[in-house]
Amino acid sequence: MRFPLEVFEAVRAAMPAEVPVWVRVSATDWVDGGWDLPSTVAFAEALKAHGCSAIHVSSGGVSPQQKIPVGPGYQLGFAREVKARVGLPTLGVGLITEARQAEAAIAEGQADAVALARAMLYDPRWPWHAAAELGAQVNAPRQYWRSQPREFKDLFADLRIGQR
């Protein structure tokens, strides 16, 4: 862990104190005898001691021997464990594709935030669709105001029809 901690310390030292610096970690490499959750917890504790602001918990993708049980939210358990054991704000990932799934991950304490990848690549307006589904609002650029769907007439905050 010495090398990654030295790199983190260099980045932390280069940033103003008020700028949060966080790290993305792999909770496991999904290989017997390889990197595992206890190793990740120890690393996250060391990062916390060196001024890390948050941990983004992912996993795998480094060995042809890995056996990953892929499914919706399959990595959120790792985020929950790191959050519980280390106490840093935690970002969770792992095939989070639905708005209610993301909302539940946060509401149930599995993570403090979720990060999306494939869902956002497939649908760049995913946050707008999620906001509409959950009854929230988004701040849309003025040029998008006319695109607001009729069934979600309150989706765009500060919308003023007739203004350009």
N, C-alpha and C. Protein backbone atom coordinates (compact mmCIF):
# COMPACT_ATOMS: atom_id res chain seq x y z
N MET A 1 0.81 -1.20 0.00
CA MET A 1 0.00 0.00 0.00
C MET A 1 0.85 1.26 0.00
N ARG A 2 2.13 1.12 0.22
CA ARG A 2 2.97 2.31 0.36
C ARG A 2 2.93 3.19 -0.90
N PHE A 3 3.07 2.59 -2.09
CA PHE A 3 3.10 3.38 -3.31
C PHE A 3 1.78 4.14 -3.54
N PRO A 4 0.61 3.46 -3.47
CA PRO A 4 -0.63 4.22 -3.67
C PRO A 4 -0.82 5.33 -2.64
N LEU A 5 -0.39 5.08 -1.40
CA LEU A 5 -0.52 6.12 -0.38
C LEU A 5 0.39 7.31 -0.67
N GLU A 6 1.58 7.04 -1.17
CA GLU A 6 2.48 8.14 -1.55
C GLU A 6 1.89 8.95 -2.69
N VAL A 7 1.29 8.27 -3.66
CA VAL A 7 0.64 8.98 -4.76
C VAL A 7 -0.51 9.82 -4.22
N PHE A 8 -1.34 9.24 -3.36
CA PHE A 8 -2.45 9.99 -2.78
C PHE A 8 -1.94 11.21 -2.01
N GLU A 9 -0.91 11.03 -1.20
CA GLU A 9 -0.37 12.15 -0.43
C GLU A 9 0.12 13.27 -1.35
N ALA A 10 0.73 12.91 -2.47
CA ALA A 10 1.20 13.92 -3.42
C ALA A 10 0.04 14.69 -4.03
N VAL A 11 -1.02 13.98 -4.38
CA VAL A 11 -2.20 14.65 -4.93
C VAL A 11 -2.84 15.52 -3.87
N ARG A 12 -3.01 14.99 -2.66
CA ARG A 12 -3.61 15.75 -1.57
C ARG A 12 -2.81 17.03 -1.30
N ALA A 13 -1.49 16.92 -1.31
CA ALA A 13 -0.63 18.08 -1.05
C ALA A 13 -0.72 19.12 -2.16
N ALA A 14 -1.00 18.67 -3.38
CA ALA A 14 -1.07 19.60 -4.51
C ALA A 14 -2.40 20.35 -4.58
N MET A 15 -3.38 19.90 -3.84
CA MET A 15 -4.71 20.50 -3.90
C MET A 15 -4.92 21.43 -2.71
N PRO A 16 -5.71 22.48 -2.90
CA PRO A 16 -6.06 23.32 -1.74
C PRO A 16 -6.80 22.49 -0.70
N ALA A 17 -6.64 22.83 0.56
CA ALA A 17 -7.22 22.05 1.65
C ALA A 17 -8.73 21.92 1.54
N GLU A 18 -9.40 22.94 0.99
CA GLU A 18 -10.86 22.90 0.90
C GLU A 18 -11.39 22.05 -0.26
N VAL A 19 -10.50 21.56 -1.12
CA VAL A 19 -10.90 20.72 -2.24
C VAL A 19 -10.88 19.26 -1.79
N PRO A 20 -12.02 18.58 -1.87
CA PRO A 20 -12.03 17.17 -1.47
C PRO A 20 -11.27 16.30 -2.47
N VAL A 21 -10.53 15.35 -1.96
CA VAL A 21 -9.83 14.39 -2.80
C VAL A 21 -10.31 13.01 -2.39
N TRP A 22 -10.82 12.26 -3.36
CA TRP A 22 -11.31 10.92 -3.07
C TRP A 22 -10.68 9.93 -4.02
N VAL A 23 -10.85 8.65 -3.69
CA VAL A 23 -10.16 7.59 -4.42
C VAL A 23 -11.17 6.52 -4.84
N ARG A 24 -11.00 6.02 -6.05
CA ARG A 24 -11.78 4.87 -6.51
C ARG A 24 -10.95 3.62 -6.23
N VAL A 25 -11.55 2.65 -5.57
CA VAL A 25 -10.86 1.42 -5.21
C VAL A 25 -11.60 0.22 -5.78
N SER A 26 -10.87 -0.86 -5.94
CA SER A 26 -11.45 -2.14 -6.32
C SER A 26 -11.57 -2.96 -5.05
N ALA A 27 -12.80 -3.28 -4.65
CA ALA A 27 -13.03 -4.00 -3.40
C ALA A 27 -12.53 -5.44 -3.45
N THR A 28 -12.54 -6.02 -4.63
CA THR A 28 -12.05 -7.38 -4.82
C THR A 28 -11.68 -7.56 -6.28
N ASP A 29 -10.75 -8.46 -6.53
CA ASP A 29 -10.44 -8.78 -7.93
C ASP A 29 -11.15 -10.06 -8.35
N TRP A 30 -11.99 -10.61 -7.46
CA TRP A 30 -12.80 -11.79 -7.75
C TRP A 30 -11.95 -13.01 -8.10
N VAL A 31 -10.76 -13.10 -7.52
CA VAL A 31 -9.86 -14.22 -7.77
C VAL A 31 -9.50 -14.82 -6.41
N ASP A 32 -9.61 -16.14 -6.27
CA ASP A 32 -9.25 -16.79 -5.02
C ASP A 32 -7.81 -16.44 -4.64
N GLY A 33 -7.63 -16.00 -3.40
CA GLY A 33 -6.30 -15.65 -2.91
C GLY A 33 -5.83 -14.27 -3.34
N GLY A 34 -6.67 -13.53 -4.03
CA GLY A 34 -6.28 -12.20 -4.51
C GLY A 34 -6.74 -11.09 -3.59
N TRP A 35 -6.83 -9.90 -4.13
CA TRP A 35 -7.29 -8.73 -3.38
C TRP A 35 -8.72 -8.97 -2.93
N ASP A 36 -9.03 -8.60 -1.67
CA ASP A 36 -10.36 -8.88 -1.15
C ASP A 36 -10.88 -7.71 -0.31
N LEU A 37 -12.08 -7.87 0.20
CA LEU A 37 -12.71 -6.80 0.97
C LEU A 37 -11.92 -6.40 2.21
N PRO A 38 -11.40 -7.33 3.02
CA PRO A 38 -10.59 -6.90 4.16
C PRO A 38 -9.38 -6.06 3.74
N SER A 39 -8.75 -6.39 2.61
CA SER A 39 -7.64 -5.59 2.10
C SER A 39 -8.12 -4.19 1.74
N THR A 40 -9.29 -4.11 1.13
CA THR A 40 -9.85 -2.83 0.74
C THR A 40 -10.17 -1.98 1.95
N VAL A 41 -10.74 -2.60 2.98
CA VAL A 41 -11.05 -1.86 4.21
C VAL A 41 -9.77 -1.30 4.83
N ALA A 42 -8.72 -2.10 4.90
CA ALA A 42 -7.44 -1.64 5.45
C ALA A 42 -6.88 -0.49 4.63
N PHE A 43 -6.97 -0.60 3.31
CA PHE A 43 -6.48 0.47 2.43
C PHE A 43 -7.31 1.73 2.63
N ALA A 44 -8.63 1.60 2.71
CA ALA A 44 -9.50 2.76 2.90
C ALA A 44 -9.23 3.44 4.24
N GLU A 45 -8.96 2.65 5.27
CA GLU A 45 -8.62 3.23 6.58
C GLU A 45 -7.32 4.03 6.50
N ALA A 46 -6.35 3.50 5.76
CA ALA A 46 -5.08 4.22 5.59
C ALA A 46 -5.30 5.50 4.79
N LEU A 47 -6.13 5.42 3.76
CA LEU A 47 -6.44 6.63 2.98
C LEU A 47 -7.13 7.67 3.85
N LYS A 48 -8.06 7.25 4.67
CA LYS A 48 -8.75 8.16 5.58
C LYS A 48 -7.75 8.86 6.51
N ALA A 49 -6.82 8.09 7.02
CA ALA A 49 -5.80 8.66 7.93
C ALA A 49 -4.91 9.69 7.22
N HIS A 50 -4.84 9.59 5.89
CA HIS A 50 -4.01 10.52 5.11
C HIS A 50 -4.83 11.64 4.47
N GLY A 51 -6.10 11.79 4.88
CA GLY A 51 -6.90 12.92 4.41
C GLY A 51 -7.83 12.66 3.25
N CYS A 52 -8.11 11.42 2.94
CA CYS A 52 -9.05 11.10 1.86
C CYS A 52 -10.46 11.55 2.28
N SER A 53 -11.20 12.12 1.34
CA SER A 53 -12.53 12.66 1.62
C SER A 53 -13.65 11.66 1.39
N ALA A 54 -13.47 10.73 0.46
CA ALA A 54 -14.51 9.76 0.13
C ALA A 54 -13.88 8.58 -0.60
N ILE A 55 -14.62 7.47 -0.63
CA ILE A 55 -14.16 6.26 -1.32
C ILE A 55 -15.21 5.86 -2.34
N HIS A 56 -14.77 5.65 -3.57
CA HIS A 56 -15.63 5.18 -4.66
C HIS A 56 -15.31 3.69 -4.83
N VAL A 57 -16.26 2.82 -4.50
CA VAL A 57 -16.00 1.39 -4.43
C VAL A 57 -16.52 0.67 -5.68
N SER A 58 -15.59 0.07 -6.40
CA SER A 58 -15.89 -0.73 -7.58
C SER A 58 -15.27 -2.10 -7.36
N SER A 59 -15.09 -2.88 -8.43
CA SER A 59 -14.41 -4.17 -8.27
C SER A 59 -14.05 -4.77 -9.61
N GLY A 60 -13.12 -5.73 -9.56
CA GLY A 60 -12.80 -6.61 -10.67
C GLY A 60 -12.23 -5.97 -11.92
N GLY A 61 -12.24 -6.79 -12.97
CA GLY A 61 -11.79 -6.34 -14.27
C GLY A 61 -10.30 -6.44 -14.50
N VAL A 62 -9.57 -7.21 -13.66
CA VAL A 62 -8.12 -7.24 -13.80
C VAL A 62 -7.53 -8.61 -14.10
N SER A 63 -8.35 -9.65 -14.09
CA SER A 63 -7.80 -10.99 -14.29
C SER A 63 -8.72 -11.84 -15.15
N PRO A 64 -8.14 -12.64 -16.06
CA PRO A 64 -8.98 -13.56 -16.83
C PRO A 64 -9.53 -14.69 -15.96
N GLN A 65 -9.02 -14.84 -14.75
CA GLN A 65 -9.48 -15.88 -13.83
C GLN A 65 -10.68 -15.43 -12.98
N GLN A 66 -11.04 -14.18 -13.07
CA GLN A 66 -12.10 -13.67 -12.21
C GLN A 66 -13.44 -14.34 -12.51
N LYS A 67 -14.23 -14.49 -11.47
CA LYS A 67 -15.57 -15.04 -11.57
C LYS A 67 -16.50 -14.04 -10.89
N ILE A 68 -17.13 -13.18 -11.71
CA ILE A 68 -17.94 -12.09 -11.18
C ILE A 68 -19.42 -12.44 -11.30
N PRO A 69 -20.14 -12.45 -10.17
CA PRO A 69 -21.59 -12.71 -10.21
C PRO A 69 -22.35 -11.43 -10.55
N VAL A 70 -22.39 -11.09 -11.82
CA VAL A 70 -22.97 -9.83 -12.27
C VAL A 70 -24.49 -9.85 -12.14
N GLY A 71 -25.03 -8.76 -11.62
CA GLY A 71 -26.46 -8.56 -11.50
C GLY A 71 -26.72 -7.16 -11.01
N PRO A 72 -27.97 -6.71 -11.04
CA PRO A 72 -28.27 -5.34 -10.60
C PRO A 72 -27.72 -5.05 -9.20
N GLY A 73 -26.92 -4.00 -9.09
CA GLY A 73 -26.37 -3.58 -7.80
C GLY A 73 -25.34 -4.53 -7.20
N TYR A 74 -24.73 -5.36 -8.01
CA TYR A 74 -23.87 -6.44 -7.49
C TYR A 74 -22.66 -5.95 -6.71
N GLN A 75 -22.29 -4.70 -6.80
CA GLN A 75 -21.13 -4.19 -6.05
C GLN A 75 -21.52 -3.34 -4.85
N LEU A 76 -22.80 -3.10 -4.67
CA LEU A 76 -23.24 -2.22 -3.58
C LEU A 76 -22.92 -2.78 -2.19
N GLY A 77 -22.90 -4.08 -2.04
CA GLY A 77 -22.54 -4.66 -0.75
C GLY A 77 -21.14 -4.29 -0.32
N PHE A 78 -20.23 -4.19 -1.27
CA PHE A 78 -18.87 -3.77 -0.95
C PHE A 78 -18.86 -2.33 -0.45
N ALA A 79 -19.60 -1.46 -1.12
CA ALA A 79 -19.68 -0.05 -0.70
C ALA A 79 -20.26 0.04 0.71
N ARG A 80 -21.31 -0.73 0.98
CA ARG A 80 -21.94 -0.72 2.30
C ARG A 80 -20.93 -1.12 3.38
N GLU A 81 -20.15 -2.17 3.12
CA GLU A 81 -19.17 -2.64 4.10
C GLU A 81 -18.06 -1.60 4.34
N VAL A 82 -17.55 -1.02 3.27
CA VAL A 82 -16.50 -0.01 3.42
C VAL A 82 -17.04 1.19 4.19
N LYS A 83 -18.24 1.62 3.85
CA LYS A 83 -18.87 2.75 4.55
C LYS A 83 -19.02 2.44 6.03
N ALA A 84 -19.53 1.25 6.36
CA ALA A 84 -19.77 0.88 7.75
C ALA A 84 -18.48 0.74 8.54
N ARG A 85 -17.46 0.17 7.94
CA ARG A 85 -16.22 -0.11 8.67
C ARG A 85 -15.26 1.08 8.73
N VAL A 86 -15.29 1.93 7.70
CA VAL A 86 -14.30 3.01 7.62
C VAL A 86 -14.90 4.36 8.01
N GLY A 87 -16.18 4.56 7.68
CA GLY A 87 -16.83 5.80 8.07
C GLY A 87 -16.63 6.97 7.13
N LEU A 88 -16.08 6.73 5.96
CA LEU A 88 -15.96 7.79 4.97
C LEU A 88 -17.19 7.80 4.07
N PRO A 89 -17.55 8.97 3.52
CA PRO A 89 -18.59 8.97 2.49
C PRO A 89 -18.20 8.01 1.38
N THR A 90 -19.18 7.25 0.90
CA THR A 90 -18.91 6.17 -0.04
C THR A 90 -19.80 6.27 -1.27
N LEU A 91 -19.19 6.06 -2.44
CA LEU A 91 -19.93 5.97 -3.70
C LEU A 91 -20.02 4.52 -4.08
N GLY A 92 -21.21 4.08 -4.49
CA GLY A 92 -21.44 2.70 -4.90
C GLY A 92 -21.74 2.61 -6.38
N VAL A 93 -21.42 1.46 -6.96
CA VAL A 93 -21.64 1.21 -8.38
C VAL A 93 -22.10 -0.23 -8.57
N GLY A 94 -22.34 -0.62 -9.81
CA GLY A 94 -22.62 -2.02 -10.11
C GLY A 94 -23.95 -2.25 -10.78
N LEU A 95 -24.03 -1.97 -12.05
CA LEU A 95 -25.26 -2.15 -12.83
C LEU A 95 -26.46 -1.47 -12.18
N ILE A 96 -26.26 -0.23 -11.83
CA ILE A 96 -27.35 0.60 -11.33
C ILE A 96 -27.94 1.28 -12.57
N THR A 97 -29.14 0.87 -12.95
CA THR A 97 -29.71 1.35 -14.21
C THR A 97 -31.06 2.03 -14.04
N GLU A 98 -31.71 1.83 -12.91
CA GLU A 98 -33.06 2.37 -12.70
C GLU A 98 -33.03 3.44 -11.61
N ALA A 99 -33.87 4.45 -11.76
CA ALA A 99 -33.91 5.55 -10.80
C ALA A 99 -34.24 5.07 -9.40
N ARG A 100 -35.23 4.21 -9.28
CA ARG A 100 -35.64 3.73 -7.95
C ARG A 100 -34.57 2.84 -7.32
N GLN A 101 -33.82 2.14 -8.14
CA GLN A 101 -32.71 1.33 -7.66
C GLN A 101 -31.63 2.24 -7.05
N ALA A 102 -31.30 3.32 -7.74
CA ALA A 102 -30.30 4.27 -7.24
C ALA A 102 -30.80 4.94 -5.97
N GLU A 103 -32.05 5.35 -5.96
CA GLU A 103 -32.64 6.00 -4.79
C GLU A 103 -32.63 5.05 -3.58
N ALA A 104 -32.97 3.78 -3.81
CA ALA A 104 -32.99 2.81 -2.72
C ALA A 104 -31.59 2.55 -2.16
N ALA A 105 -30.60 2.50 -3.02
CA ALA A 105 -29.22 2.27 -2.56
C ALA A 105 -28.80 3.34 -1.56
N ILE A 106 -29.20 4.57 -1.82
CA ILE A 106 -28.86 5.67 -0.91
C ILE A 106 -29.75 5.65 0.32
N ALA A 107 -31.06 5.49 0.11
CA ALA A 107 -32.01 5.49 1.23
C ALA A 107 -31.73 4.36 2.22
N GLU A 108 -31.30 3.20 1.72
CA GLU A 108 -31.02 2.05 2.58
C GLU A 108 -29.62 2.08 3.18
N GLY A 109 -28.83 3.11 2.87
CA GLY A 109 -27.51 3.24 3.45
C GLY A 109 -26.43 2.38 2.82
N GLN A 110 -26.70 1.85 1.63
CA GLN A 110 -25.66 1.06 0.97
C GLN A 110 -24.51 1.94 0.50
N ALA A 111 -24.80 3.19 0.20
CA ALA A 111 -23.79 4.16 -0.24
C ALA A 111 -24.34 5.55 0.01
N ASP A 112 -23.46 6.53 0.03
CA ASP A 112 -23.89 7.92 0.19
C ASP A 112 -24.25 8.55 -1.15
N ALA A 113 -23.74 7.96 -2.21
CA ALA A 113 -24.03 8.39 -3.58
C ALA A 113 -23.81 7.19 -4.49
N VAL A 114 -24.39 7.24 -5.66
CA VAL A 114 -24.15 6.19 -6.65
C VAL A 114 -23.53 6.84 -7.88
N ALA A 115 -22.72 6.06 -8.56
CA ALA A 115 -22.12 6.49 -9.81
C ALA A 115 -22.66 5.59 -10.92
N LEU A 116 -22.92 6.18 -12.04
CA LEU A 116 -23.51 5.44 -13.16
C LEU A 116 -22.53 5.44 -14.33
N ALA A 117 -22.52 4.35 -15.06
CA ALA A 117 -21.66 4.28 -16.24
C ALA A 117 -22.49 3.85 -17.44
N ARG A 118 -22.77 2.57 -17.55
CA ARG A 118 -23.48 2.06 -18.73
C ARG A 118 -24.82 2.75 -18.94
N ALA A 119 -25.56 2.98 -17.87
CA ALA A 119 -26.87 3.62 -18.00
C ALA A 119 -26.74 5.02 -18.60
N MET A 120 -25.69 5.74 -18.21
CA MET A 120 -25.48 7.10 -18.75
C MET A 120 -24.95 7.06 -20.18
N LEU A 121 -24.16 6.05 -20.51
CA LEU A 121 -23.70 5.92 -21.89
C LEU A 121 -24.88 5.62 -22.82
N TYR A 122 -25.79 4.78 -22.35
CA TYR A 122 -26.95 4.42 -23.15
C TYR A 122 -27.94 5.59 -23.26
N ASP A 123 -28.12 6.30 -22.15
CA ASP A 123 -29.11 7.38 -22.09
C ASP A 123 -28.49 8.61 -21.42
N PRO A 124 -27.89 9.50 -22.20
CA PRO A 124 -27.26 10.69 -21.61
C PRO A 124 -28.22 11.58 -20.82
N ARG A 125 -29.52 11.43 -21.03
CA ARG A 125 -30.52 12.20 -20.27
C ARG A 125 -31.06 11.39 -19.09
N TRP A 126 -30.33 10.36 -18.68
CA TRP A 126 -30.77 9.52 -17.57
C TRP A 126 -31.15 10.36 -16.34
N PRO A 127 -30.37 11.35 -15.95
CA PRO A 127 -30.75 12.14 -14.76
C PRO A 127 -32.11 12.84 -14.92
N TRP A 128 -32.40 13.30 -16.12
CA TRP A 128 -33.70 13.94 -16.35
C TRP A 128 -34.82 12.92 -16.22
N HIS A 129 -34.63 11.74 -16.81
CA HIS A 129 -35.66 10.71 -16.75
C HIS A 129 -35.83 10.23 -15.31
N ALA A 130 -34.75 10.11 -14.58
CA ALA A 130 -34.83 9.70 -13.18
C ALA A 130 -35.56 10.76 -12.36
N ALA A 131 -35.25 12.02 -12.59
CA ALA A 131 -35.93 13.10 -11.87
C ALA A 131 -37.43 13.07 -12.16
N ALA A 132 -37.79 12.87 -13.42
CA ALA A 132 -39.21 12.81 -13.77
C ALA A 132 -39.89 11.64 -13.05
N GLU A 133 -39.25 10.48 -13.04
CA GLU A 133 -39.82 9.30 -12.38
C GLU A 133 -39.98 9.49 -10.89
N LEU A 134 -39.04 10.19 -10.27
CA LEU A 134 -39.04 10.37 -8.82
C LEU A 134 -39.74 11.65 -8.37
N GLY A 135 -40.28 12.42 -9.33
CA GLY A 135 -40.99 13.65 -8.97
C GLY A 135 -40.10 14.81 -8.60
N ALA A 136 -38.87 14.81 -9.08
CA ALA A 136 -37.93 15.90 -8.78
C ALA A 136 -37.85 16.85 -9.97
N GLN A 137 -37.05 17.88 -9.85
CA GLN A 137 -36.85 18.84 -10.92
C GLN A 137 -35.37 18.91 -11.29
N VAL A 138 -35.11 19.37 -12.51
CA VAL A 138 -33.75 19.61 -12.97
C VAL A 138 -33.67 21.03 -13.51
N ASN A 139 -32.48 21.58 -13.50
CA ASN A 139 -32.25 22.88 -14.13
C ASN A 139 -31.77 22.62 -15.54
N ALA A 140 -32.63 22.92 -16.48
CA ALA A 140 -32.32 22.68 -17.89
C ALA A 140 -31.93 24.00 -18.56
N PRO A 141 -31.00 23.95 -19.49
CA PRO A 141 -30.68 25.15 -20.25
C PRO A 141 -31.92 25.66 -20.99
N ARG A 142 -32.01 26.93 -21.14
CA ARG A 142 -33.17 27.58 -21.74
C ARG A 142 -33.54 26.96 -23.10
N GLN A 143 -32.55 26.59 -23.90
CA GLN A 143 -32.85 26.05 -25.22
C GLN A 143 -33.55 24.68 -25.16
N TYR A 144 -33.57 24.04 -23.99
CA TYR A 144 -34.24 22.75 -23.84
C TYR A 144 -35.67 22.89 -23.31
N TRP A 145 -36.06 24.07 -22.90
CA TRP A 145 -37.35 24.24 -22.24
C TRP A 145 -38.51 23.69 -23.07
N ARG A 146 -38.48 23.88 -24.37
CA ARG A 146 -39.59 23.41 -25.21
C ARG A 146 -39.63 21.88 -25.33
N SER A 147 -38.59 21.20 -24.86
CA SER A 147 -38.57 19.74 -24.96
C SER A 147 -39.19 19.04 -23.76
N GLN A 148 -39.59 19.81 -22.74
CA GLN A 148 -40.16 19.19 -21.54
C GLN A 148 -41.41 18.39 -21.91
N PRO A 149 -41.46 17.11 -21.54
CA PRO A 149 -42.63 16.29 -21.87
C PRO A 149 -43.88 16.81 -21.16
N ARG A 150 -45.01 16.73 -21.83
CA ARG A 150 -46.27 17.22 -21.25
C ARG A 150 -46.64 16.49 -19.97
N GLU A 151 -46.32 15.18 -19.90
CA GLU A 151 -46.69 14.43 -18.71
C GLU A 151 -45.81 14.77 -17.50
N PHE A 152 -44.74 15.52 -17.72
CA PHE A 152 -43.86 15.95 -16.62
C PHE A 152 -43.72 17.46 -16.67
N LYS A 153 -44.85 18.16 -16.56
CA LYS A 153 -44.87 19.61 -16.76
C LYS A 153 -44.06 20.40 -15.73
N ASP A 154 -43.66 19.76 -14.62
CA ASP A 154 -42.87 20.45 -13.59
C ASP A 154 -41.43 19.96 -13.53
N LEU A 155 -40.98 19.25 -14.55
CA LEU A 155 -39.63 18.68 -14.53
C LEU A 155 -38.55 19.76 -14.54
N PHE A 156 -38.70 20.76 -15.40
CA PHE A 156 -37.67 21.79 -15.53
C PHE A 156 -37.94 22.92 -14.54
N ALA A 157 -37.02 23.11 -13.62
CA ALA A 157 -37.14 24.19 -12.65
C ALA A 157 -36.95 25.53 -13.37
N ASP A 158 -37.62 26.54 -12.88
CA ASP A 158 -37.48 27.90 -13.41
C ASP A 158 -37.92 28.05 -14.87
N LEU A 159 -38.75 27.14 -15.34
CA LEU A 159 -39.26 27.21 -16.71
C LEU A 159 -40.24 28.37 -16.84
N ARG A 160 -40.04 29.18 -17.86
CA ARG A 160 -40.94 30.29 -18.15
C ARG A 160 -41.29 30.21 -19.63
N ILE A 161 -42.49 29.81 -19.93
CA ILE A 161 -42.95 29.69 -21.32
C ILE A 161 -43.07 31.10 -21.91
N GLY A 162 -42.69 31.20 -23.16
CA GLY A 162 -42.79 32.48 -23.84
C GLY A 162 -41.50 33.29 -23.79
N GLN A 163 -40.57 32.91 -22.96
CA GLN A 163 -39.29 33.62 -22.90
C GLN A 163 -38.28 32.90 -23.75
N ARG A 164 -37.39 33.66 -24.30
CA ARG A 164 -36.31 33.07 -25.11
C ARG A 164 -34.98 33.58 -24.62
